[in-house]
């Protein structure tokens, strides 16, 4: 199977790039741009961006040939592209210059694909990929080497499965999903019942996993199948590396889960949810829409929509900040209380005399 050459950055001009970004520009529109870079590392031919005024000093010193800046920003030293959202425009510029590596369509001769598999157009299946019976793969999808797909899996269009992804039986994956290295979808949920003799009886996990459109799941993250019903990751959700999503969990659309977050069985999370790193959510918890949980927090009860919490056990973020602001003063407060206690004891003794 042929592989494309490594992508090389495109060359353009400030004027052409501004037109591509639908932004106006100032300065020499013929200035060549070859790549994008940070303010500190930029060199001649690079494009940088300014999102916040506090970085203006770094912009003044940059060696870049052009910059994306806010609408009102003035800079005469180099050409500028003016954007209402400089960071978003910079992301679009980055997409213009860089395209992730993608193999050519085709099935590698060392892949093992069941004859009952339905494969769409322009699908790429790499070496040592295993695809079991009755699998469906949509147009333009890519399975990198060593991907394993169990029976009756449905994979949508333009899905990317990086090496060592494992997709268990009956899992359903939508369109434009990205699964990074080592993702496991549909492994058994952790369900056991303790018997009278102290042993643990395994509860069969007969449910499935559903991953909706435009979801991205980071390396070595696991999403367990439901005992009954479905574990669902809804449209547009982005999950970091090393996250555990347990059986029968439902995560609402456009949510963000940072690394090492764990969500226990049967918990339900609303849309636009954000969990910082190492957040812990126990089983059968309901979390509303637009909830933010700060890193390392331990949730103990349901959270209504709009909550912003931190700590373990969790507190409203304002209460948590006040509490932690007071902690450095606790030792001094304890000493003062001890002094006051001694003074009160002296006064009480005098009164008894």
Protein backbone atom coordinates (compact mmCIF):
# COMPACT_ATOMS: atom_id res chain seq x y z
CA UNK A 1 0.00 0.00 0.00
CA UNK A 2 1.46 3.37 -1.02
CA UNK A 3 2.10 5.99 1.64
CA UNK A 4 2.13 9.74 0.91
CA UNK A 5 5.24 11.81 1.50
CA UNK A 6 5.39 13.82 4.71
CA UNK A 7 3.36 17.01 4.42
CA UNK A 8 5.35 20.13 3.85
CA UNK A 9 4.18 23.60 4.91
CA UNK A 10 2.58 25.62 2.14
CA UNK A 11 3.91 29.03 1.17
CA UNK A 12 1.60 32.01 0.86
CA UNK A 13 1.53 35.77 1.33
CA UNK A 14 -0.01 37.96 4.00
CA UNK A 15 -2.70 39.12 1.58
CA UNK A 16 -3.61 35.59 0.45
CA UNK A 17 -3.72 34.32 4.02
CA UNK A 18 -5.86 37.24 5.18
CA UNK A 19 -8.30 36.47 2.37
CA UNK A 20 -8.34 32.79 3.42
CA UNK A 21 -9.08 33.83 7.02
CA UNK A 22 -11.69 36.39 5.92
CA UNK A 23 -9.79 39.16 7.75
CA UNK A 24 -8.36 42.52 6.73
CA UNK A 25 -4.61 43.16 6.75
CA UNK A 26 -2.24 46.11 7.13
CA UNK A 27 1.30 46.45 5.80
CA UNK A 28 3.01 44.72 2.89
CA UNK A 29 0.55 42.14 1.58
CA UNK A 30 3.27 40.51 -0.53
CA UNK A 31 5.27 39.45 2.53
CA UNK A 32 5.86 35.69 2.21
CA UNK A 33 4.63 33.37 4.97
CA UNK A 34 5.98 29.81 5.14
CA UNK A 35 4.91 28.54 8.55
CA UNK A 36 3.35 29.38 11.95
CA UNK A 37 5.18 29.68 15.26
CA UNK A 38 5.10 31.01 18.83
CA UNK A 39 6.15 34.59 19.60
CA UNK A 40 9.38 33.44 21.24
CA UNK A 41 10.49 30.88 18.65
CA UNK A 42 9.39 32.61 15.47
CA UNK A 43 11.83 33.38 12.66
CA UNK A 44 11.67 35.13 9.31
CA UNK A 45 8.78 33.78 7.25
CA UNK A 46 6.73 32.75 10.29
CA UNK A 47 3.28 33.90 11.35
CA UNK A 48 2.44 34.51 15.04
CA UNK A 49 -0.61 35.78 16.91
CA UNK A 50 -1.44 38.13 19.78
CA UNK A 51 -4.49 37.13 21.83
CA UNK A 52 -3.92 39.21 24.98
CA UNK A 53 -2.35 42.66 25.56
CA UNK A 54 0.03 41.24 28.20
CA UNK A 55 2.01 39.58 25.40
CA UNK A 56 2.48 42.82 23.45
CA UNK A 57 6.10 43.14 24.62
CA UNK A 58 6.89 39.68 23.19
CA UNK A 59 5.24 40.70 19.92
CA UNK A 60 7.49 43.76 19.71
CA UNK A 61 10.56 41.52 19.99
CA UNK A 62 9.46 38.67 17.73
CA UNK A 63 11.41 37.79 14.57
CA UNK A 64 8.22 36.74 12.79
CA UNK A 65 7.31 38.24 9.41
CA UNK A 66 3.62 38.81 10.24
CA UNK A 67 1.14 38.59 13.09
CA UNK A 68 -2.57 37.99 13.66
CA UNK A 69 -3.75 40.66 16.11
CA UNK A 70 -7.05 41.95 17.57
CA UNK A 71 -9.09 44.35 15.45
CA UNK A 72 -8.01 47.46 17.38
CA UNK A 73 -4.31 46.56 17.72
CA UNK A 74 -1.74 48.74 15.91
CA UNK A 75 1.69 47.47 14.88
CA UNK A 76 3.83 49.15 12.22
CA UNK A 77 6.94 46.97 12.46
CA UNK A 78 5.54 43.96 10.58
CA UNK A 79 2.38 43.28 8.51
CA UNK A 80 -0.67 42.42 10.57
CA UNK A 81 -3.87 40.44 9.98
CA UNK A 82 -6.72 41.84 12.09
CA UNK A 83 -9.21 39.39 13.57
CA UNK A 84 -12.08 39.54 16.05
CA UNK A 85 -10.80 36.22 17.43
CA UNK A 86 -7.01 36.05 16.87
CA UNK A 87 -6.59 32.62 18.46
CA UNK A 88 -9.33 31.08 16.31
CA UNK A 89 -7.84 32.68 13.20
CA UNK A 90 -4.42 31.34 14.17
CA UNK A 91 -5.89 27.84 14.46
CA UNK A 92 -7.30 28.19 10.94
CA UNK A 93 -3.89 29.37 9.73
CA UNK A 94 -2.30 26.36 11.42
CA UNK A 95 -4.75 24.08 9.60
CA UNK A 96 -3.77 25.81 6.34
CA UNK A 97 -0.08 25.06 6.82
CA UNK A 98 -0.31 21.64 8.41
CA UNK A 99 -2.29 18.52 7.53
CA UNK A 100 -1.95 15.42 9.74
CA UNK A 101 -0.42 12.35 8.15
CA UNK A 102 -2.97 10.14 6.46
CA UNK A 103 -2.16 6.90 4.57
CA UNK A 104 -3.44 6.22 1.10
CA UNK A 105 -6.73 4.29 0.76
CA UNK A 106 -6.48 0.54 0.49
CA UNK A 107 -6.18 -2.65 2.53
CA UNK A 108 -2.68 -3.69 3.53
CA UNK A 109 -1.89 -7.29 2.49
CA UNK A 110 -0.99 -8.13 6.10
CA UNK A 111 -4.40 -7.00 7.44
CA UNK A 112 -6.94 -9.69 8.36
CA UNK A 113 -10.43 -8.60 7.29
CA UNK A 114 -13.52 -10.78 7.47
CA UNK A 115 -15.25 -11.30 4.09
CA UNK A 116 -18.51 -10.19 5.74
CA UNK A 117 -17.09 -6.71 6.45
CA UNK A 118 -18.73 -3.84 4.54
CA UNK A 119 -16.11 -1.25 3.58
CA UNK A 120 -16.93 2.18 2.14
CA UNK A 121 -15.00 4.24 -0.38
CA UNK A 122 -11.43 5.48 0.21
CA UNK A 123 -10.96 3.49 3.42
CA UNK A 124 -7.40 2.80 4.62
CA UNK A 125 -6.70 -0.37 6.61
CA UNK A 126 -3.13 -0.79 7.82
CA UNK A 127 -0.87 -3.75 8.49
CA UNK A 128 -1.91 -6.26 11.19
CA UNK A 129 -5.38 -4.77 11.55
CA UNK A 130 -7.95 -7.41 12.56
CA UNK A 131 -11.60 -6.94 11.60
CA UNK A 132 -14.12 -9.58 12.65
CA UNK A 133 -17.48 -10.54 11.14
CA UNK A 134 -20.32 -8.20 10.10
CA UNK A 135 -18.38 -4.96 10.66
CA UNK A 136 -19.34 -1.79 8.76
CA UNK A 137 -16.77 0.92 7.96
CA UNK A 138 -17.84 4.22 6.38
CA UNK A 139 -16.24 6.20 3.57
CA UNK A 140 -12.84 7.78 4.15
CA UNK A 141 -12.14 6.09 7.48
CA UNK A 142 -8.61 5.10 8.52
CA UNK A 143 -7.53 2.16 10.67
CA UNK A 144 -3.82 2.38 11.44
CA UNK A 145 -1.73 -0.78 12.06
CA UNK A 146 -2.68 -3.11 14.94
CA UNK A 147 -6.26 -1.88 15.33
CA UNK A 148 -8.61 -4.63 16.53
CA UNK A 149 -12.32 -4.58 15.67
CA UNK A 150 -14.69 -7.17 17.17
CA UNK A 151 -17.89 -8.45 15.47
CA UNK A 152 -20.88 -6.29 14.52
CA UNK A 153 -19.12 -2.97 15.06
CA UNK A 154 -20.37 0.01 13.06
CA UNK A 155 -17.84 2.72 12.18
CA UNK A 156 -18.99 5.91 10.46
CA UNK A 157 -17.41 8.11 7.81
CA UNK A 158 -13.97 9.77 8.14
CA UNK A 159 -13.20 8.02 11.43
CA UNK A 160 -9.53 7.77 12.43
CA UNK A 161 -8.44 4.86 14.63
CA UNK A 162 -4.78 5.07 15.58
CA UNK A 163 -2.62 2.04 16.33
CA UNK A 164 -3.63 -0.36 19.12
CA UNK A 165 -7.21 0.89 19.34
CA UNK A 166 -9.53 -1.94 20.42
CA UNK A 167 -13.23 -1.79 19.57
CA UNK A 168 -15.35 -4.45 21.20
CA UNK A 169 -18.45 -6.15 19.80
CA UNK A 170 -21.56 -4.15 18.83
CA UNK A 171 -19.96 -0.75 19.45
CA UNK A 172 -21.35 2.07 17.30
CA UNK A 173 -19.12 4.95 16.21
CA UNK A 174 -20.41 8.05 14.40
CA UNK A 175 -18.75 10.22 11.77
CA UNK A 176 -15.45 12.13 12.04
CA UNK A 177 -14.50 10.46 15.31
CA UNK A 178 -10.81 10.36 16.29
CA UNK A 179 -9.56 7.54 18.53
CA UNK A 180 -5.96 7.93 19.66
CA UNK A 181 -3.50 5.13 20.39
CA UNK A 182 -4.61 2.53 22.89
CA UNK A 183 -8.26 3.57 23.22
CA UNK A 184 -10.52 0.71 24.33
CA UNK A 185 -14.23 0.95 23.56
CA UNK A 186 -16.72 -1.56 24.92
CA UNK A 187 -14.71 -3.53 27.46
CA UNK A 188 -16.81 -5.04 30.26
CA UNK A 189 -18.12 -2.70 32.91
CA UNK A 190 -16.86 -3.37 36.43
CA UNK A 191 -19.95 -5.13 37.73
CA UNK A 192 -19.88 -7.79 40.50
CA UNK A 193 -22.25 -9.01 43.20
CA UNK A 194 -20.86 -10.31 46.47
CA UNK A 195 -22.06 -13.81 47.33
CA UNK A 196 -22.74 -15.20 50.81
CA UNK A 197 -19.43 -17.04 50.83
CA UNK A 198 -17.55 -13.79 50.17
CA UNK A 199 -16.79 -14.49 46.52
CA UNK A 200 -17.74 -12.08 43.74
CA UNK A 201 -20.19 -13.06 41.02
CA UNK A 202 -19.62 -11.35 37.68
CA UNK A 203 -22.66 -9.48 36.29
CA UNK A 204 -22.86 -10.03 32.52
CA UNK A 205 -22.31 -6.80 30.60
CA UNK A 206 -24.67 -7.18 27.65
CA UNK A 207 -25.02 -3.50 26.72
CA UNK A 208 -23.13 -1.47 24.13
CA UNK A 209 -21.09 1.72 23.65
CA UNK A 210 -22.23 4.54 21.37
CA UNK A 211 -19.81 7.26 20.27
CA UNK A 212 -21.59 10.04 18.40
CA UNK A 213 -20.26 12.34 15.65
CA UNK A 214 -17.16 14.55 16.06
CA UNK A 215 -15.99 12.98 19.31
CA UNK A 216 -12.24 12.78 20.00
CA UNK A 217 -10.87 10.34 22.58
CA UNK A 218 -7.29 10.51 23.88
CA UNK A 219 -4.65 7.83 24.20
CA UNK A 220 -5.26 4.91 26.58
CA UNK A 221 -8.74 6.07 27.53
CA UNK A 222 -11.38 3.41 28.21
CA UNK A 223 -15.14 3.51 27.72
CA UNK A 224 -16.92 0.49 29.21
CA UNK A 225 -20.01 -1.18 27.79
CA UNK A 226 -23.24 -0.96 29.76
CA UNK A 227 -24.54 -3.86 31.81
CA UNK A 228 -27.94 -3.16 30.22
CA UNK A 229 -28.61 -0.48 27.65
CA UNK A 230 -25.92 1.93 26.47
CA UNK A 231 -22.86 3.90 27.47
CA UNK A 232 -23.07 7.09 25.39
CA UNK A 233 -20.55 9.81 24.51
CA UNK A 234 -22.55 12.48 22.72
CA UNK A 235 -21.71 14.70 19.77
CA UNK A 236 -18.64 16.93 19.85
CA UNK A 237 -17.27 15.78 23.21
CA UNK A 238 -13.48 15.79 23.62
CA UNK A 239 -11.82 13.36 26.04
CA UNK A 240 -8.17 13.55 27.09
CA UNK A 241 -5.70 10.71 27.68
CA UNK A 242 -6.08 8.18 30.52
CA UNK A 243 -9.76 8.82 31.24
CA UNK A 244 -12.10 6.11 32.56
CA UNK A 245 -15.77 6.20 31.55
CA UNK A 246 -17.63 3.38 33.29
CA UNK A 247 -20.66 1.32 32.29
CA UNK A 248 -23.97 3.03 31.50
CA UNK A 249 -22.49 6.54 31.77
CA UNK A 250 -23.92 9.25 29.53
CA UNK A 251 -21.85 12.32 28.68
CA UNK A 252 -23.66 15.23 27.02
CA UNK A 253 -22.62 17.01 23.83
CA UNK A 254 -19.66 19.40 23.57
CA UNK A 255 -18.16 18.35 26.89
CA UNK A 256 -14.47 18.34 27.89
CA UNK A 257 -12.85 15.71 30.13
CA UNK A 258 -9.20 16.29 31.07
CA UNK A 259 -6.65 13.56 31.76
CA UNK A 260 -7.12 10.99 34.52
CA UNK A 261 -10.74 11.88 35.14
CA UNK A 262 -12.89 8.94 36.24
CA UNK A 263 -16.67 8.66 35.99
CA UNK A 264 -18.26 5.69 37.75
CA UNK A 265 -21.21 3.65 36.53
CA UNK A 266 -24.64 5.02 35.62
CA UNK A 267 -23.75 8.70 36.13
CA UNK A 268 -25.32 11.21 33.74
CA UNK A 269 -23.58 14.39 32.61
CA UNK A 270 -25.23 17.29 30.75
CA UNK A 271 -23.99 19.31 27.80
CA UNK A 272 -21.00 21.69 27.79
CA UNK A 273 -19.56 19.96 30.84
CA UNK A 274 -15.91 20.60 31.78
CA UNK A 275 -13.88 18.34 34.10
CA UNK A 276 -10.31 19.26 35.02
CA UNK A 277 -7.59 16.65 35.45
CA UNK A 278 -8.05 13.86 38.00
CA UNK A 279 -11.69 14.63 38.73
CA UNK A 280 -13.56 11.79 40.41
CA UNK A 281 -17.31 11.27 39.95
CA UNK A 282 -19.01 8.37 41.81
CA UNK A 283 -21.78 6.15 40.50
CA UNK A 284 -25.39 7.23 39.95
CA UNK A 285 -24.60 10.96 40.03
CA UNK A 286 -26.51 13.45 37.84
CA UNK A 287 -24.67 16.55 36.64
CA UNK A 288 -26.49 19.36 34.83
CA UNK A 289 -25.54 21.48 31.83
CA UNK A 290 -22.55 23.85 31.70
CA UNK A 291 -21.03 22.51 34.92
CA UNK A 292 -17.32 23.10 35.60
CA UNK A 293 -15.39 20.86 38.00
CA UNK A 294 -11.87 22.01 38.91
CA UNK A 295 -8.92 19.61 38.81
CA UNK A 296 -8.52 16.96 41.54
CA UNK A 297 -12.08 17.47 42.79
CA UNK A 298 -14.12 14.66 44.32
CA UNK A 299 -17.86 14.92 43.68
CA UNK A 300 -20.18 13.67 46.42
CA UNK A 301 -23.70 14.52 45.18
CA UNK A 302 -25.72 15.73 42.19
CA UNK A 303 -24.75 19.08 40.66
CA UNK A 304 -27.34 21.46 39.17
CA UNK A 305 -26.74 23.22 35.86
CA UNK A 306 -24.28 26.11 35.98
CA UNK A 307 -22.37 24.81 39.01
CA UNK A 308 -18.65 25.57 39.38
CA UNK A 309 -17.10 23.43 42.10
CA UNK A 310 -13.71 22.44 43.49
CA UNK A 311 -12.20 20.35 46.26
CA UNK A 312 -12.80 16.93 47.77
CA UNK A 313 -15.49 16.71 49.00
CA UNK A 314 -16.55 19.36 46.51
CA UNK A 315 -17.59 22.89 47.44
CA UNK A 316 -18.91 25.80 45.45
CA UNK A 317 -15.84 27.46 43.93
CA UNK A 318 -16.37 30.69 45.89
CA UNK A 319 -16.60 28.85 49.19
CA UNK A 320 -13.58 26.71 48.26
CA UNK A 321 -11.48 29.79 47.46
CA UNK A 322 -12.38 31.43 50.76
CA UNK A 323 -11.55 28.26 52.67
CA UNK A 324 -8.16 27.83 51.03
CA UNK A 325 -7.35 31.51 51.48
CA UNK A 326 -7.85 30.99 55.22
CA UNK A 327 -5.76 27.80 55.52
CA UNK A 328 -2.32 29.52 55.63
CA UNK A 329 -3.60 31.59 58.57
CA UNK A 330 -4.91 28.61 60.59
CA UNK A 331 -1.75 28.05 62.63
CA UNK A 332 -1.64 31.70 63.72
CA UNK A 333 -5.35 31.58 64.55
CA UNK A 334 -4.86 28.46 66.67
CA UNK A 335 -2.05 30.16 68.59
CA UNK A 336 -4.25 33.22 69.21
CA UNK A 337 -7.11 30.99 70.41
CA UNK A 338 -4.76 29.24 72.85
CA UNK A 339 -3.59 32.60 74.20
CA UNK A 340 -7.17 33.80 74.56
CA UNK A 341 -8.12 30.57 76.28
CA UNK A 342 -5.35 31.05 78.87
CA UNK A 343 -6.41 34.66 79.47
CA UNK A 344 -10.02 33.61 79.96
CA UNK A 345 -8.94 30.91 82.41
CA UNK A 346 -6.95 33.52 84.40
CA UNK A 347 -9.94 35.87 84.47
CA UNK A 348 -12.25 33.08 85.61
CA UNK A 349 -9.82 32.14 88.40
CA UNK A 350 -9.69 35.77 89.57
CA UNK A 351 -13.47 35.94 89.64
CA UNK A 352 -13.62 32.84 91.84
CA UNK A 353 -11.25 34.36 94.41
